[in-house]
Amino acid sequence: MTENELPPESELVERLRKNDVQLFERVVKEYHSAMYSVAYAIAGHAIADEVVQEAWISAIKALDKFEGRSALKSWLIRIVANEAKTRLR
């Protein structure tokens, strides 16, 4: 694994649960553009950044409930989509 590569999924989630701040920063950099794209597509430019920020807050709060039945990235994207849809209502 190179310095910029994320660790395997199980290790990644475990370290995030243990509040590994440096790893969290890498995960944000890695997944932000995909999350923003989804937020933008659903909610538009005006609130896409807010949607992504709220999604990260929701994800952090729910990380202990993440069961690993999907990839972490897929789970995060689903949270963004749900947040964006909620904002549109």
C-alpha atoms as a PDB file:
ATOM      1  CA  MET A   1       0.000   0.000   0.000  1.00  0.00           C
ATOM      2  CA  THR A   2       1.408   3.367  -0.976  1.00  0.00           C
ATOM      3  CA  GLU A   3       1.160   6.399   1.276  1.00  0.00           C
ATOM      4  CA  ASN A   4      -1.844   7.816  -0.596  1.00  0.00           C
ATOM      5  CA  GLU A   5      -3.686   4.516  -0.943  1.00  0.00           C
ATOM      6  CA  LEU A   6      -6.493   3.829   1.458  1.00  0.00           C
ATOM      7  CA  PRO A   7      -6.185   0.686   3.582  1.00  0.00           C
ATOM      8  CA  PRO A   8      -8.436  -2.334   2.956  1.00  0.00           C
ATOM      9  CA  GLU A   9     -12.098  -1.644   3.711  1.00  0.00           C
ATOM     10  CA  SER A  10     -12.281  -3.497   7.032  1.00  0.00           C
ATOM     11  CA  GLU A  11      -9.189  -1.730   8.363  1.00  0.00           C
ATOM     12  CA  LEU A  12     -10.408   1.587   6.979  1.00  0.00           C
ATOM     13  CA  VAL A  13     -13.736   1.398   8.807  1.00  0.00           C
ATOM     14  CA  GLU A  14     -12.142   0.214  12.034  1.00  0.00           C
ATOM     15  CA  ARG A  15      -9.617   3.056  12.025  1.00  0.00           C
ATOM     16  CA  LEU A  16     -12.322   5.601  11.267  1.00  0.00           C
ATOM     17  CA  ARG A  17     -14.333   4.250  14.195  1.00  0.00           C
ATOM     18  CA  LYS A  18     -11.268   4.830  16.364  1.00  0.00           C
ATOM     19  CA  ASN A  19     -11.160   8.492  15.233  1.00  0.00           C
ATOM     20  CA  ASP A  20      -8.074   8.306  13.006  1.00  0.00           C
ATOM     21  CA  VAL A  21      -8.133  11.969  11.944  1.00  0.00           C
ATOM     22  CA  GLN A  22      -5.406  11.682   9.309  1.00  0.00           C
ATOM     23  CA  LEU A  23      -7.173   8.770   7.669  1.00  0.00           C
ATOM     24  CA  PHE A  24     -10.479  10.637   7.810  1.00  0.00           C
ATOM     25  CA  GLU A  25      -8.872  13.550   5.941  1.00  0.00           C
ATOM     26  CA  ARG A  26      -7.642  11.141   3.256  1.00  0.00           C
ATOM     27  CA  VAL A  27     -11.091   9.561   2.955  1.00  0.00           C
ATOM     28  CA  VAL A  28     -12.705  12.985   2.563  1.00  0.00           C
ATOM     29  CA  LYS A  29     -10.224  13.879  -0.198  1.00  0.00           C
ATOM     30  CA  GLU A  30     -10.779  10.525  -1.893  1.00  0.00           C
ATOM     31  CA  TYR A  31     -14.602  10.539  -1.853  1.00  0.00           C
ATOM     32  CA  HIS A  32     -15.507  14.244  -1.874  1.00  0.00           C
ATOM     33  CA  SER A  33     -15.785  14.708  -5.627  1.00  0.00           C
ATOM     34  CA  ALA A  34     -18.074  11.686  -6.067  1.00  0.00           C
ATOM     35  CA  MET A  35     -20.232  12.808  -3.152  1.00  0.00           C
ATOM     36  CA  TYR A  36     -20.387  16.367  -4.488  1.00  0.00           C
ATOM     37  CA  SER A  37     -21.358  15.125  -7.954  1.00  0.00           C
ATOM     38  CA  VAL A  38     -24.325  13.233  -6.532  1.00  0.00           C
ATOM     39  CA  ALA A  39     -25.399  16.184  -4.377  1.00  0.00           C
ATOM     40  CA  TYR A  40     -25.078  18.538  -7.358  1.00  0.00           C
ATOM     41  CA  ALA A  41     -27.074  16.254  -9.644  1.00  0.00           C
ATOM     42  CA  ILE A  42     -29.940  15.934  -7.164  1.00  0.00           C
ATOM     43  CA  ALA A  43     -30.021  19.255  -5.328  1.00  0.00           C
ATOM     44  CA  GLY A  44     -28.147  21.679  -7.561  1.00  0.00           C
ATOM     45  CA  HIS A  45     -25.136  23.912  -7.154  1.00  0.00           C
ATOM     46  CA  ALA A  46     -26.635  26.246  -4.546  1.00  0.00           C
ATOM     47  CA  ILE A  47     -26.759  23.646  -1.766  1.00  0.00           C
ATOM     48  CA  ALA A  48     -24.493  20.808  -2.947  1.00  0.00           C
ATOM     49  CA  ASP A  49     -21.691  21.769  -0.535  1.00  0.00           C
ATOM     50  CA  GLU A  50     -24.106  21.887   2.399  1.00  0.00           C
ATOM     51  CA  VAL A  51     -25.547  18.515   1.420  1.00  0.00           C
ATOM     52  CA  VAL A  52     -22.080  16.941   1.389  1.00  0.00           C
ATOM     53  CA  GLN A  53     -21.199  18.495   4.756  1.00  0.00           C
ATOM     54  CA  GLU A  54     -24.420  17.217   6.319  1.00  0.00           C
ATOM     55  CA  ALA A  55     -23.808  13.795   4.795  1.00  0.00           C
ATOM     56  CA  TRP A  56     -20.365  13.636   6.412  1.00  0.00           C
ATOM     57  CA  ILE A  57     -21.868  14.566   9.780  1.00  0.00           C
ATOM     58  CA  SER A  58     -24.535  11.892   9.384  1.00  0.00           C
ATOM     59  CA  ALA A  59     -21.945   9.320   8.318  1.00  0.00           C
ATOM     60  CA  ILE A  60     -19.686  10.041  11.278  1.00  0.00           C
ATOM     61  CA  LYS A  61     -22.610   9.689  13.679  1.00  0.00           C
ATOM     62  CA  ALA A  62     -23.734   6.435  12.042  1.00  0.00           C
ATOM     63  CA  LEU A  63     -20.320   4.837  11.448  1.00  0.00           C
ATOM     64  CA  ASP A  64     -20.786   2.375  14.307  1.00  0.00           C
ATOM     65  CA  LYS A  65     -23.935   1.142  12.558  1.00  0.00           C
ATOM     66  CA  PHE A  66     -22.138   0.555   9.231  1.00  0.00           C
ATOM     67  CA  GLU A  67     -22.399  -3.205   8.670  1.00  0.00           C
ATOM     68  CA  GLY A  68     -20.156  -3.500   5.634  1.00  0.00           C
ATOM     69  CA  ARG A  69     -22.858  -4.991   3.429  1.00  0.00           C
ATOM     70  CA  SER A  70     -21.818  -2.452   0.818  1.00  0.00           C
ATOM     71  CA  ALA A  71     -18.586  -0.592   0.183  1.00  0.00           C
ATOM     72  CA  LEU A  72     -18.003   2.428   2.400  1.00  0.00           C
ATOM     73  CA  LYS A  73     -18.065   4.665  -0.674  1.00  0.00           C
ATOM     74  CA  SER A  74     -21.463   3.264  -1.726  1.00  0.00           C
ATOM     75  CA  TRP A  75     -22.801   3.838   1.771  1.00  0.00           C
ATOM     76  CA  LEU A  76     -21.555   7.435   1.751  1.00  0.00           C
ATOM     77  CA  ILE A  77     -23.064   8.070  -1.684  1.00  0.00           C
ATOM     78  CA  ARG A  78     -26.413   6.738  -0.466  1.00  0.00           C
ATOM     79  CA  ILE A  79     -26.265   9.093   2.545  1.00  0.00           C
ATOM     80  CA  VAL A  80     -25.549  12.035   0.215  1.00  0.00           C
ATOM     81  CA  ALA A  81     -28.420  11.101  -2.078  1.00  0.00           C
ATOM     82  CA  ASN A  82     -30.825  10.788   0.847  1.00  0.00           C
ATOM     83  CA  GLU A  83     -29.684  14.128   2.292  1.00  0.00           C
ATOM     84  CA  ALA A  84     -30.079  15.836  -1.091  1.00  0.00           C
ATOM     85  CA  LYS A  85     -33.576  14.404  -1.560  1.00  0.00           C
ATOM     86  CA  THR A  86     -34.542  15.499   1.936  1.00  0.00           C
ATOM     87  CA  ARG A  87     -33.353  19.048   1.196  1.00  0.00           C
ATOM     88  CA  LEU A  88     -35.535  19.164  -1.926  1.00  0.00           C
ATOM     89  CA  ARG A  89     -38.698  18.308   0.004  1.00  0.00           C
END
